[in-house]
Amino acid sequence: MKKICSLLLAMLPMTAFAYPIDVQKELNGLKIDYTTYASDYDMGSITVNNYGDTAAECSVVFRNGPESPKTRRVNLDAGKSADLSAKFNRKIIKLYITMTCKPK
């Protein structure tokens, strides 16, 4: 039993694939919030929430080191949210996200 428990504990670090996510935002006075996720070892995600009274146009750029940036655009109505993600060819060591939103 002790061997099985120690084996399971030894395998635990192999299952973790979390990486740091750095977000730079330019909201232009809008009431927008976000939540980031380390979805997979090569995929990052962000949920963008519009808590304001006006619709917003948002552009989100995902960068992972030397790979080309992935840009996602979304139109958010007041009180709505959207999930955006990007998949890369390499393992993510640190993910940089730049979010720019402006009123529609």
N, C-alpha and C. Protein backbone atom coordinates (compact mmCIF):
# COMPACT_ATOMS: atom_id res chain seq x y z
N MET A 1 0.83 -1.19 0.00
CA MET A 1 0.00 0.00 0.00
C MET A 1 0.87 1.26 0.00
N LYS A 2 1.95 1.22 0.79
CA LYS A 2 2.85 2.37 0.84
C LYS A 2 3.53 2.61 -0.50
N LYS A 3 3.84 1.53 -1.22
CA LYS A 3 4.48 1.66 -2.52
C LYS A 3 3.53 2.32 -3.52
N ILE A 4 2.27 1.97 -3.46
CA ILE A 4 1.28 2.55 -4.38
C ILE A 4 1.09 4.03 -4.08
N CYS A 5 1.01 4.38 -2.81
CA CYS A 5 0.85 5.79 -2.44
C CYS A 5 2.06 6.61 -2.84
N SER A 6 3.25 6.08 -2.63
CA SER A 6 4.45 6.82 -3.01
C SER A 6 4.56 6.95 -4.53
N LEU A 7 4.12 5.95 -5.25
CA LEU A 7 4.11 6.02 -6.71
C LEU A 7 3.14 7.09 -7.20
N LEU A 8 1.98 7.17 -6.61
CA LEU A 8 1.00 8.19 -6.98
C LEU A 8 1.52 9.59 -6.66
N LEU A 9 2.16 9.75 -5.52
CA LEU A 9 2.73 11.05 -5.16
C LEU A 9 3.88 11.44 -6.08
N ALA A 10 4.65 10.47 -6.53
CA ALA A 10 5.76 10.75 -7.44
C ALA A 10 5.26 11.18 -8.81
N MET A 11 4.10 10.68 -9.22
CA MET A 11 3.54 11.03 -10.52
C MET A 11 2.79 12.36 -10.51
N LEU A 12 2.51 12.88 -9.35
CA LEU A 12 1.74 14.12 -9.23
C LEU A 12 2.37 15.29 -9.96
N PRO A 13 3.67 15.57 -9.84
CA PRO A 13 4.23 16.71 -10.57
C PRO A 13 4.16 16.58 -12.08
N MET A 14 4.04 15.38 -12.60
CA MET A 14 3.95 15.18 -14.03
C MET A 14 2.61 15.64 -14.59
N THR A 15 1.59 15.72 -13.77
CA THR A 15 0.26 16.08 -14.25
C THR A 15 0.03 17.59 -14.26
N ALA A 16 0.84 18.35 -13.57
CA ALA A 16 0.66 19.80 -13.51
C ALA A 16 1.31 20.45 -14.73
N PHE A 17 0.53 21.32 -15.42
CA PHE A 17 1.08 22.01 -16.58
C PHE A 17 0.80 23.50 -16.53
N ALA A 18 0.59 24.04 -15.35
CA ALA A 18 0.29 25.46 -15.21
C ALA A 18 1.52 26.29 -15.57
N TYR A 19 1.27 27.41 -16.18
CA TYR A 19 2.33 28.34 -16.56
C TYR A 19 1.84 29.74 -16.25
N PRO A 20 2.77 30.70 -16.06
CA PRO A 20 2.35 32.07 -15.74
C PRO A 20 1.72 32.76 -16.95
N ILE A 21 0.73 33.59 -16.69
CA ILE A 21 0.05 34.35 -17.73
C ILE A 21 0.12 35.83 -17.35
N ASP A 22 0.66 36.63 -18.25
CA ASP A 22 0.81 38.07 -18.04
C ASP A 22 -0.19 38.79 -18.95
N VAL A 23 -1.06 39.61 -18.37
CA VAL A 23 -2.10 40.32 -19.14
C VAL A 23 -1.86 41.82 -19.07
N GLN A 24 -1.81 42.45 -20.24
CA GLN A 24 -1.78 43.91 -20.34
C GLN A 24 -3.11 44.32 -20.96
N LYS A 25 -3.75 45.30 -20.34
CA LYS A 25 -5.09 45.68 -20.82
C LYS A 25 -5.19 47.18 -21.05
N GLU A 26 -5.96 47.53 -22.05
CA GLU A 26 -6.31 48.92 -22.35
C GLU A 26 -7.83 48.92 -22.53
N LEU A 27 -8.52 49.40 -21.50
CA LEU A 27 -9.98 49.26 -21.48
C LEU A 27 -10.73 50.52 -21.91
N ASN A 28 -10.08 51.65 -22.01
CA ASN A 28 -10.69 52.90 -22.47
C ASN A 28 -11.96 53.26 -21.68
N GLY A 29 -11.92 53.08 -20.38
CA GLY A 29 -13.02 53.46 -19.51
C GLY A 29 -14.18 52.49 -19.45
N LEU A 30 -14.08 51.36 -20.10
CA LEU A 30 -15.16 50.37 -20.09
C LEU A 30 -15.07 49.50 -18.84
N LYS A 31 -16.20 48.97 -18.42
CA LYS A 31 -16.25 48.08 -17.25
C LYS A 31 -16.12 46.64 -17.72
N ILE A 32 -14.88 46.24 -17.98
CA ILE A 32 -14.61 44.90 -18.50
C ILE A 32 -13.67 44.19 -17.55
N ASP A 33 -13.97 42.92 -17.29
CA ASP A 33 -13.16 42.08 -16.42
C ASP A 33 -12.77 40.83 -17.21
N TYR A 34 -11.75 40.13 -16.74
CA TYR A 34 -11.29 38.94 -17.45
C TYR A 34 -10.84 37.89 -16.45
N THR A 35 -10.79 36.65 -16.92
CA THR A 35 -10.25 35.53 -16.17
C THR A 35 -9.43 34.70 -17.15
N THR A 36 -8.19 34.37 -16.77
CA THR A 36 -7.33 33.59 -17.65
C THR A 36 -7.26 32.14 -17.18
N TYR A 37 -6.97 31.25 -18.14
CA TYR A 37 -6.88 29.82 -17.86
C TYR A 37 -5.69 29.22 -18.60
N ALA A 38 -4.98 28.33 -17.95
CA ALA A 38 -3.96 27.51 -18.61
C ALA A 38 -4.67 26.22 -19.03
N SER A 39 -5.30 26.23 -20.19
CA SER A 39 -6.14 25.12 -20.63
C SER A 39 -5.36 23.83 -20.86
N ASP A 40 -4.22 23.94 -21.49
CA ASP A 40 -3.39 22.79 -21.81
C ASP A 40 -1.95 23.26 -21.90
N TYR A 41 -1.02 22.35 -22.08
CA TYR A 41 0.39 22.75 -22.11
C TYR A 41 0.72 23.63 -23.31
N ASP A 42 -0.11 23.60 -24.38
CA ASP A 42 0.13 24.41 -25.56
C ASP A 42 -1.07 25.29 -25.93
N MET A 43 -1.96 25.52 -24.97
CA MET A 43 -3.19 26.28 -25.25
C MET A 43 -3.52 27.20 -24.08
N GLY A 44 -3.83 28.46 -24.39
CA GLY A 44 -4.22 29.42 -23.37
C GLY A 44 -5.61 29.97 -23.65
N SER A 45 -6.33 30.35 -22.62
CA SER A 45 -7.70 30.83 -22.77
C SER A 45 -7.94 32.03 -21.87
N ILE A 46 -8.91 32.85 -22.28
CA ILE A 46 -9.32 34.00 -21.48
C ILE A 46 -10.83 34.15 -21.63
N THR A 47 -11.49 34.47 -20.53
CA THR A 47 -12.92 34.80 -20.54
C THR A 47 -13.04 36.29 -20.29
N VAL A 48 -13.70 36.99 -21.20
CA VAL A 48 -13.87 38.44 -21.11
C VAL A 48 -15.32 38.73 -20.77
N ASN A 49 -15.56 39.52 -19.71
CA ASN A 49 -16.90 39.86 -19.25
C ASN A 49 -17.12 41.37 -19.40
N ASN A 50 -18.25 41.76 -19.97
CA ASN A 50 -18.60 43.18 -20.10
C ASN A 50 -19.67 43.49 -19.06
N TYR A 51 -19.29 44.22 -18.01
CA TYR A 51 -20.21 44.58 -16.94
C TYR A 51 -20.80 45.97 -17.14
N GLY A 52 -20.43 46.65 -18.21
CA GLY A 52 -20.89 48.01 -18.45
C GLY A 52 -22.25 48.06 -19.13
N ASP A 53 -22.67 49.29 -19.46
CA ASP A 53 -23.96 49.52 -20.12
C ASP A 53 -23.82 49.68 -21.62
N THR A 54 -22.60 49.72 -22.14
CA THR A 54 -22.39 49.91 -23.57
C THR A 54 -21.70 48.69 -24.16
N ALA A 55 -21.95 48.45 -25.44
CA ALA A 55 -21.29 47.35 -26.14
C ALA A 55 -19.82 47.70 -26.36
N ALA A 56 -18.99 46.68 -26.51
CA ALA A 56 -17.55 46.89 -26.67
C ALA A 56 -17.00 46.01 -27.78
N GLU A 57 -15.96 46.52 -28.44
CA GLU A 57 -15.20 45.74 -29.42
C GLU A 57 -13.85 45.45 -28.79
N CYS A 58 -13.51 44.19 -28.65
CA CYS A 58 -12.26 43.82 -28.00
C CYS A 58 -11.37 43.02 -28.94
N SER A 59 -10.09 43.29 -28.83
CA SER A 59 -9.07 42.56 -29.57
C SER A 59 -8.11 41.97 -28.55
N VAL A 60 -7.88 40.67 -28.63
CA VAL A 60 -7.01 39.97 -27.69
C VAL A 60 -5.88 39.31 -28.49
N VAL A 61 -4.64 39.61 -28.10
CA VAL A 61 -3.47 39.05 -28.77
C VAL A 61 -2.75 38.12 -27.81
N PHE A 62 -2.58 36.86 -28.21
CA PHE A 62 -1.88 35.85 -27.43
C PHE A 62 -0.46 35.72 -27.99
N ARG A 63 0.55 35.82 -27.12
CA ARG A 63 1.95 35.67 -27.55
C ARG A 63 2.64 34.64 -26.67
N ASN A 64 3.41 33.78 -27.35
CA ASN A 64 4.18 32.75 -26.66
C ASN A 64 5.59 32.73 -27.24
N GLY A 65 6.42 33.61 -26.77
CA GLY A 65 7.81 33.63 -27.20
C GLY A 65 8.00 33.84 -28.68
N PRO A 66 8.77 32.96 -29.35
CA PRO A 66 9.14 33.20 -30.75
C PRO A 66 8.03 32.91 -31.77
N GLU A 67 6.95 32.27 -31.36
CA GLU A 67 5.88 31.97 -32.32
C GLU A 67 5.13 33.23 -32.71
N SER A 68 4.48 33.18 -33.84
CA SER A 68 3.71 34.35 -34.29
C SER A 68 2.51 34.56 -33.37
N PRO A 69 2.18 35.83 -33.09
CA PRO A 69 1.05 36.12 -32.20
C PRO A 69 -0.28 35.68 -32.82
N LYS A 70 -1.19 35.29 -31.98
CA LYS A 70 -2.54 34.89 -32.40
C LYS A 70 -3.51 35.97 -31.94
N THR A 71 -4.25 36.56 -32.87
CA THR A 71 -5.20 37.63 -32.55
C THR A 71 -6.61 37.10 -32.63
N ARG A 72 -7.41 37.43 -31.61
CA ARG A 72 -8.82 37.07 -31.58
C ARG A 72 -9.61 38.36 -31.34
N ARG A 73 -10.71 38.53 -32.07
CA ARG A 73 -11.56 39.72 -31.92
C ARG A 73 -12.97 39.28 -31.54
N VAL A 74 -13.61 40.11 -30.71
CA VAL A 74 -14.96 39.79 -30.26
C VAL A 74 -15.73 41.08 -30.03
N ASN A 75 -17.02 41.07 -30.34
CA ASN A 75 -17.94 42.15 -30.02
C ASN A 75 -18.77 41.70 -28.82
N LEU A 76 -18.70 42.48 -27.74
CA LEU A 76 -19.40 42.12 -26.51
C LEU A 76 -20.54 43.09 -26.26
N ASP A 77 -21.75 42.60 -26.21
CA ASP A 77 -22.88 43.42 -25.82
C ASP A 77 -22.82 43.64 -24.31
N ALA A 78 -23.58 44.61 -23.83
CA ALA A 78 -23.61 44.91 -22.40
C ALA A 78 -24.09 43.69 -21.62
N GLY A 79 -23.37 43.33 -20.57
CA GLY A 79 -23.76 42.22 -19.72
C GLY A 79 -23.41 40.84 -20.27
N LYS A 80 -22.70 40.76 -21.35
CA LYS A 80 -22.36 39.46 -21.96
C LYS A 80 -20.90 39.11 -21.70
N SER A 81 -20.55 37.86 -21.99
CA SER A 81 -19.16 37.40 -21.86
C SER A 81 -18.80 36.54 -23.06
N ALA A 82 -17.49 36.37 -23.26
CA ALA A 82 -17.00 35.55 -24.37
C ALA A 82 -15.74 34.82 -23.94
N ASP A 83 -15.57 33.61 -24.47
CA ASP A 83 -14.38 32.81 -24.23
C ASP A 83 -13.51 32.83 -25.48
N LEU A 84 -12.24 33.16 -25.31
CA LEU A 84 -11.30 33.21 -26.41
C LEU A 84 -10.11 32.32 -26.07
N SER A 85 -9.56 31.64 -27.07
CA SER A 85 -8.42 30.77 -26.81
C SER A 85 -7.48 30.75 -28.01
N ALA A 86 -6.28 30.30 -27.77
CA ALA A 86 -5.28 30.16 -28.83
C ALA A 86 -4.44 28.92 -28.55
N LYS A 87 -4.19 28.17 -29.61
CA LYS A 87 -3.37 26.96 -29.51
C LYS A 87 -2.06 27.23 -30.25
N PHE A 88 -0.95 26.85 -29.61
CA PHE A 88 0.37 27.07 -30.17
C PHE A 88 1.01 25.75 -30.56
N ASN A 89 2.08 25.83 -31.33
CA ASN A 89 2.79 24.63 -31.78
C ASN A 89 3.78 24.10 -30.74
N ARG A 90 4.17 24.94 -29.81
CA ARG A 90 5.14 24.56 -28.78
C ARG A 90 4.52 24.63 -27.39
N LYS A 91 5.21 24.04 -26.46
CA LYS A 91 4.80 24.11 -25.06
C LYS A 91 4.93 25.56 -24.58
N ILE A 92 3.93 26.05 -23.87
CA ILE A 92 3.95 27.42 -23.37
C ILE A 92 4.76 27.47 -22.08
N ILE A 93 5.74 28.36 -22.06
CA ILE A 93 6.52 28.58 -20.83
C ILE A 93 5.92 29.76 -20.07
N LYS A 94 5.63 30.85 -20.80
CA LYS A 94 4.93 32.00 -20.24
C LYS A 94 4.07 32.58 -21.35
N LEU A 95 2.82 32.88 -21.04
CA LEU A 95 1.88 33.40 -22.03
C LEU A 95 1.66 34.88 -21.77
N TYR A 96 1.79 35.68 -22.83
CA TYR A 96 1.55 37.11 -22.76
C TYR A 96 0.26 37.42 -23.52
N ILE A 97 -0.66 38.09 -22.85
CA ILE A 97 -1.94 38.45 -23.47
C ILE A 97 -2.08 39.96 -23.43
N THR A 98 -2.39 40.56 -24.58
CA THR A 98 -2.66 41.99 -24.67
C THR A 98 -4.12 42.16 -25.07
N MET A 99 -4.90 42.83 -24.22
CA MET A 99 -6.34 43.02 -24.46
C MET A 99 -6.63 44.50 -24.65
N THR A 100 -7.22 44.85 -25.79
CA THR A 100 -7.60 46.23 -26.08
C THR A 100 -9.09 46.26 -26.37
N CYS A 101 -9.83 47.08 -25.62
CA CYS A 101 -11.27 47.21 -25.81
C CYS A 101 -11.63 48.67 -26.01
N LYS A 102 -12.60 48.89 -26.89
CA LYS A 102 -13.11 50.26 -27.12
C LYS A 102 -14.62 50.20 -27.25
N PRO A 103 -15.31 51.30 -26.94
CA PRO A 103 -16.77 51.31 -27.06
C PRO A 103 -17.19 51.13 -28.52
N LYS A 104 -18.29 50.48 -28.69
CA LYS A 104 -18.81 50.21 -30.04
C LYS A 104 -19.67 51.35 -30.50
